[in-house]
Amino acid sequence: MDAIGAIKGSLATAEMVSMAYLGDLTDQELLQRPHAQCDHLNWQIGHLICSENKMMSSIAADIMPALPDGFASQYTRETASSTEPSSFATKDELMATYQAQRAGTLAILATMNPQQLDEETGVDYAPTKGDMLRMTGEHWLMHCGQWVVVRRICGKPVVI
C-alpha cells in the first residue's frame, strides 16, 4: 500500500466510526453536551465540516465544494454556547453537507501523486499536504470519544 492508499483507508475508517456513532442519534440528541464545558454534538459536527472545507480548500480550492450559504456562520466559536435548534443545521443537512465535503476531499486525494503529499502547507499542525489530508480523518476521530458519552447518556446501544 502506498501513502495515498493509506490516507484513503484512514479517511474510510474515520467515516465508518463517526457514522456508526452518529447514525441513530436524533436532532434533539445532537444538541446534548457530553459535559457542561463541552460543545454539543451538532456544533461539533458543523465545526468538523467547516474545518474539512477550510483544510482541503487550502490544498485545492478549485476542487473543494463550497459550503452551503450561511453554514460557516452557524458554526463559529460564538455560536457554540447556543442550544437553540433553529440556530443550527438539522442532522439531515449536516450529513448531506458532510457527504459533499468528503467527496471533495476524496476528489482532491484522487488527483495527487505521492510526491505532492510532501509539499509544504505552511500550517504548523499539518506541515505537508499529506499531513493535512491525514489530519482530516483524525480530526473526526478526535471528537468521537465525546459522542460515545452522549450515546451513553441517551441510552443508545454500543455500536463499535
C-alpha atoms as a PDB file:
ATOM      1  CA  MET A   1       0.000   0.000   0.000  1.00  0.00           C
ATOM      2  CA  ASP A   2       1.288   3.450  -0.839  1.00  0.00           C
ATOM      3  CA  ALA A   3       0.746   6.666   1.128  1.00  0.00           C
ATOM      4  CA  ILE A   4      -2.302   7.685  -0.910  1.00  0.00           C
ATOM      5  CA  GLY A   5      -3.918   4.314  -0.213  1.00  0.00           C
ATOM      6  CA  ALA A   6      -3.115   4.639   3.477  1.00  0.00           C
ATOM      7  CA  ILE A   7      -4.698   8.095   3.673  1.00  0.00           C
ATOM      8  CA  LYS A   8      -7.775   6.867   1.805  1.00  0.00           C
ATOM      9  CA  GLY A   9      -8.041   3.952   4.249  1.00  0.00           C
ATOM     10  CA  SER A  10      -7.647   6.287   7.212  1.00  0.00           C
ATOM     11  CA  LEU A  11     -10.455   8.515   5.911  1.00  0.00           C
ATOM     12  CA  ALA A  12     -12.678   5.468   5.393  1.00  0.00           C
ATOM     13  CA  THR A  13     -12.061   4.216   8.937  1.00  0.00           C
ATOM     14  CA  ALA A  14     -12.798   7.638  10.423  1.00  0.00           C
ATOM     15  CA  GLU A  15     -16.031   7.787   8.428  1.00  0.00           C
ATOM     16  CA  MET A  16     -17.085   4.293   9.499  1.00  0.00           C
ATOM     17  CA  VAL A  17     -16.546   5.058  13.191  1.00  0.00           C
ATOM     18  CA  SER A  18     -18.073   8.538  13.048  1.00  0.00           C
ATOM     19  CA  MET A  19     -21.183   7.477  11.154  1.00  0.00           C
ATOM     20  CA  ALA A  20     -21.690   4.471  13.428  1.00  0.00           C
ATOM     21  CA  TYR A  21     -21.739   6.771  16.460  1.00  0.00           C
ATOM     22  CA  LEU A  22     -23.982   9.370  14.821  1.00  0.00           C
ATOM     23  CA  GLY A  23     -26.269   7.063  12.857  1.00  0.00           C
ATOM     24  CA  ASP A  24     -29.151   6.664  15.312  1.00  0.00           C
ATOM     25  CA  LEU A  25     -28.893   9.982  17.144  1.00  0.00           C
ATOM     26  CA  THR A  26     -31.801  12.389  16.647  1.00  0.00           C
ATOM     27  CA  ASP A  27     -31.660  16.120  16.040  1.00  0.00           C
ATOM     28  CA  GLN A  28     -32.554  16.656  19.699  1.00  0.00           C
ATOM     29  CA  GLU A  29     -29.851  14.247  20.897  1.00  0.00           C
ATOM     30  CA  LEU A  30     -27.278  16.067  18.758  1.00  0.00           C
ATOM     31  CA  LEU A  31     -27.891  19.122  20.954  1.00  0.00           C
ATOM     32  CA  GLN A  32     -26.649  17.184  24.013  1.00  0.00           C
ATOM     33  CA  ARG A  33     -23.314  18.073  25.548  1.00  0.00           C
ATOM     34  CA  PRO A  34     -21.097  15.298  26.890  1.00  0.00           C
ATOM     35  CA  HIS A  35     -20.140  17.691  29.700  1.00  0.00           C
ATOM     36  CA  ALA A  36     -21.229  21.195  30.646  1.00  0.00           C
ATOM     37  CA  GLN A  37     -17.941  22.610  29.358  1.00  0.00           C
ATOM     38  CA  CYS A  38     -18.049  20.726  26.025  1.00  0.00           C
ATOM     39  CA  ASP A  39     -19.743  21.748  22.795  1.00  0.00           C
ATOM     40  CA  HIS A  40     -22.905  19.909  21.780  1.00  0.00           C
ATOM     41  CA  LEU A  41     -22.620  17.322  19.039  1.00  0.00           C
ATOM     42  CA  ASN A  42     -24.430  19.331  16.377  1.00  0.00           C
ATOM     43  CA  TRP A  43     -21.915  22.151  16.809  1.00  0.00           C
ATOM     44  CA  GLN A  44     -19.006  19.683  16.807  1.00  0.00           C
ATOM     45  CA  ILE A  45     -20.168  18.123  13.539  1.00  0.00           C
ATOM     46  CA  GLY A  46     -20.612  21.533  11.920  1.00  0.00           C
ATOM     47  CA  HIS A  47     -17.163  22.519  13.158  1.00  0.00           C
ATOM     48  CA  LEU A  48     -15.678  19.349  11.648  1.00  0.00           C
ATOM     49  CA  ILE A  49     -17.353  20.028   8.307  1.00  0.00           C
ATOM     50  CA  CYS A  50     -16.152  23.649   8.277  1.00  0.00           C
ATOM     51  CA  SER A  51     -12.638  22.535   9.242  1.00  0.00           C
ATOM     52  CA  GLU A  52     -12.540  19.941   6.480  1.00  0.00           C
ATOM     53  CA  ASN A  53     -13.641  22.555   3.967  1.00  0.00           C
ATOM     54  CA  LYS A  54     -11.009  25.024   5.145  1.00  0.00           C
ATOM     55  CA  MET A  55      -8.176  22.496   5.244  1.00  0.00           C
ATOM     56  CA  MET A  56      -8.966  20.966   1.869  1.00  0.00           C
ATOM     57  CA  SER A  57      -9.585  24.348   0.236  1.00  0.00           C
ATOM     58  CA  SER A  58      -6.052  25.287   1.279  1.00  0.00           C
ATOM     59  CA  ILE A  59      -4.819  22.361  -0.842  1.00  0.00           C
ATOM     60  CA  ALA A  60      -7.153  22.637  -3.838  1.00  0.00           C
ATOM     61  CA  ALA A  61      -9.804  25.353  -3.622  1.00  0.00           C
ATOM     62  CA  ASP A  62     -10.849  24.671  -7.219  1.00  0.00           C
ATOM     63  CA  ILE A  63     -11.891  21.103  -6.355  1.00  0.00           C
ATOM     64  CA  MET A  64     -13.424  21.531  -2.905  1.00  0.00           C
ATOM     65  CA  PRO A  65     -17.158  22.316  -2.979  1.00  0.00           C
ATOM     66  CA  ALA A  66     -18.359  25.449  -1.249  1.00  0.00           C
ATOM     67  CA  LEU A  67     -20.280  25.146   1.992  1.00  0.00           C
ATOM     68  CA  PRO A  68     -23.998  25.980   1.825  1.00  0.00           C
ATOM     69  CA  ASP A  69     -24.785  29.679   2.232  1.00  0.00           C
ATOM     70  CA  GLY A  70     -24.637  30.684   5.898  1.00  0.00           C
ATOM     71  CA  PHE A  71     -23.345  27.303   7.066  1.00  0.00           C
ATOM     72  CA  ALA A  72     -19.970  28.531   8.344  1.00  0.00           C
ATOM     73  CA  SER A  73     -21.586  31.351  10.319  1.00  0.00           C
ATOM     74  CA  GLN A  74     -23.732  28.782  12.166  1.00  0.00           C
ATOM     75  CA  TYR A  75     -20.589  27.061  13.474  1.00  0.00           C
ATOM     76  CA  THR A  76     -18.310  29.689  14.949  1.00  0.00           C
ATOM     77  CA  ARG A  77     -16.818  29.870  18.429  1.00  0.00           C
ATOM     78  CA  GLU A  78     -19.515  32.448  19.217  1.00  0.00           C
ATOM     79  CA  THR A  79     -22.382  30.077  18.356  1.00  0.00           C
ATOM     80  CA  ALA A  80     -21.065  27.113  20.343  1.00  0.00           C
ATOM     81  CA  SER A  81     -22.914  28.051  23.529  1.00  0.00           C
ATOM     82  CA  SER A  82     -26.352  28.097  21.885  1.00  0.00           C
ATOM     83  CA  THR A  83     -28.691  25.120  22.075  1.00  0.00           C
ATOM     84  CA  GLU A  84     -31.452  26.757  20.017  1.00  0.00           C
ATOM     85  CA  PRO A  85     -32.264  24.154  17.345  1.00  0.00           C
ATOM     86  CA  SER A  86     -33.124  26.783  14.723  1.00  0.00           C
ATOM     87  CA  SER A  87     -29.595  28.207  15.031  1.00  0.00           C
ATOM     88  CA  PHE A  88     -28.059  25.080  13.538  1.00  0.00           C
ATOM     89  CA  ALA A  89     -28.439  22.735  10.599  1.00  0.00           C
ATOM     90  CA  THR A  90     -30.596  19.657  11.018  1.00  0.00           C
ATOM     91  CA  LYS A  91     -28.971  16.250  11.134  1.00  0.00           C
ATOM     92  CA  ASP A  92     -30.051  15.598   7.543  1.00  0.00           C
ATOM     93  CA  GLU A  93     -28.499  18.885   6.436  1.00  0.00           C
ATOM     94  CA  LEU A  94     -25.316  18.143   8.368  1.00  0.00           C
ATOM     95  CA  MET A  95     -24.976  14.695   6.816  1.00  0.00           C
ATOM     96  CA  ALA A  96     -25.619  15.981   3.272  1.00  0.00           C
ATOM     97  CA  THR A  97     -23.048  18.739   3.754  1.00  0.00           C
ATOM     98  CA  TYR A  98     -20.593  16.257   5.221  1.00  0.00           C
ATOM     99  CA  GLN A  99     -21.035  13.903   2.257  1.00  0.00           C
ATOM    100  CA  ALA A 100     -20.406  16.733  -0.218  1.00  0.00           C
ATOM    101  CA  GLN A 101     -17.284  17.850   1.635  1.00  0.00           C
ATOM    102  CA  ARG A 102     -15.906  14.323   1.987  1.00  0.00           C
ATOM    103  CA  ALA A 103     -16.492  13.728  -1.731  1.00  0.00           C
ATOM    104  CA  GLY A 104     -14.413  16.851  -2.356  1.00  0.00           C
ATOM    105  CA  THR A 105     -11.665  15.598  -0.059  1.00  0.00           C
ATOM    106  CA  LEU A 106     -11.557  12.268  -1.862  1.00  0.00           C
ATOM    107  CA  ALA A 107     -11.545  14.031  -5.238  1.00  0.00           C
ATOM    108  CA  ILE A 108      -8.515  16.052  -4.127  1.00  0.00           C
ATOM    109  CA  LEU A 109      -6.758  12.898  -2.941  1.00  0.00           C
ATOM    110  CA  ALA A 110      -7.504  11.223  -6.287  1.00  0.00           C
ATOM    111  CA  THR A 111      -5.645  13.982  -8.152  1.00  0.00           C
ATOM    112  CA  MET A 112      -2.492  13.708  -6.068  1.00  0.00           C
ATOM    113  CA  ASN A 113       0.655  11.694  -6.506  1.00  0.00           C
ATOM    114  CA  PRO A 114       2.961  10.618  -3.648  1.00  0.00           C
ATOM    115  CA  GLN A 115       5.405  13.481  -4.273  1.00  0.00           C
ATOM    116  CA  GLN A 116       2.642  16.064  -3.886  1.00  0.00           C
ATOM    117  CA  LEU A 117       1.873  14.707  -0.418  1.00  0.00           C
ATOM    118  CA  ASP A 118       5.259  16.089   0.695  1.00  0.00           C
ATOM    119  CA  GLU A 119       4.503  19.638  -0.492  1.00  0.00           C
ATOM    120  CA  GLU A 120       4.506  22.113   2.392  1.00  0.00           C
ATOM    121  CA  THR A 121       1.334  23.806   3.600  1.00  0.00           C
ATOM    122  CA  GLY A 122       2.802  26.407   5.947  1.00  0.00           C
ATOM    123  CA  VAL A 123       0.485  25.135   8.703  1.00  0.00           C
ATOM    124  CA  ASP A 124       2.109  24.025  11.978  1.00  0.00           C
ATOM    125  CA  TYR A 125      -0.331  21.211  12.825  1.00  0.00           C
ATOM    126  CA  ALA A 126      -0.213  19.797   9.266  1.00  0.00           C
ATOM    127  CA  PRO A 127       3.071  20.840   7.635  1.00  0.00           C
ATOM    128  CA  THR A 128       2.567  18.861   4.401  1.00  0.00           C
ATOM    129  CA  LYS A 129      -0.397  18.192   2.119  1.00  0.00           C
ATOM    130  CA  GLY A 130      -0.236  14.554   3.181  1.00  0.00           C
ATOM    131  CA  ASP A 131      -0.454  15.603   6.827  1.00  0.00           C
ATOM    132  CA  MET A 132      -3.421  17.850   6.018  1.00  0.00           C
ATOM    133  CA  LEU A 133      -5.273  15.028   4.271  1.00  0.00           C
ATOM    134  CA  ARG A 134      -4.493  12.569   7.067  1.00  0.00           C
ATOM    135  CA  MET A 135      -5.497  15.085   9.734  1.00  0.00           C
ATOM    136  CA  THR A 136      -8.951  15.403   8.170  1.00  0.00           C
ATOM    137  CA  GLY A 137      -9.931  11.895   9.239  1.00  0.00           C
ATOM    138  CA  GLU A 138      -8.068  12.087  12.529  1.00  0.00           C
ATOM    139  CA  HIS A 139      -9.951  15.257  13.471  1.00  0.00           C
ATOM    140  CA  TRP A 140     -13.272  13.413  13.183  1.00  0.00           C
ATOM    141  CA  LEU A 141     -11.933  10.586  15.340  1.00  0.00           C
ATOM    142  CA  MET A 142     -10.721  13.045  17.980  1.00  0.00           C
ATOM    143  CA  HIS A 143     -14.348  14.078  18.545  1.00  0.00           C
ATOM    144  CA  CYS A 144     -15.796  10.553  18.555  1.00  0.00           C
ATOM    145  CA  GLY A 145     -14.903   9.948  22.193  1.00  0.00           C
ATOM    146  CA  GLN A 146     -17.276  12.726  23.228  1.00  0.00           C
ATOM    147  CA  TRP A 147     -20.039  11.239  21.099  1.00  0.00           C
ATOM    148  CA  VAL A 148     -19.804   7.940  22.972  1.00  0.00           C
ATOM    149  CA  VAL A 149     -20.557   9.793  26.210  1.00  0.00           C
ATOM    150  CA  VAL A 150     -23.697  11.321  24.683  1.00  0.00           C
ATOM    151  CA  ARG A 151     -24.692   7.894  23.366  1.00  0.00           C
ATOM    152  CA  ARG A 152     -24.466   6.527  26.940  1.00  0.00           C
ATOM    153  CA  ILE A 153     -26.474   9.475  28.329  1.00  0.00           C
ATOM    154  CA  CYS A 154     -29.186   8.803  25.724  1.00  0.00           C
ATOM    155  CA  GLY A 155     -29.246   5.055  26.424  1.00  0.00           C
ATOM    156  CA  LYS A 156     -28.094   4.123  22.918  1.00  0.00           C
ATOM    157  CA  PRO A 157     -26.620   0.690  22.236  1.00  0.00           C
ATOM    158  CA  VAL A 158     -22.913   0.034  21.791  1.00  0.00           C
ATOM    159  CA  VAL A 159     -22.200   0.164  18.050  1.00  0.00           C
ATOM    160  CA  ILE A 160     -18.447  -0.407  17.981  1.00  0.00           C
END
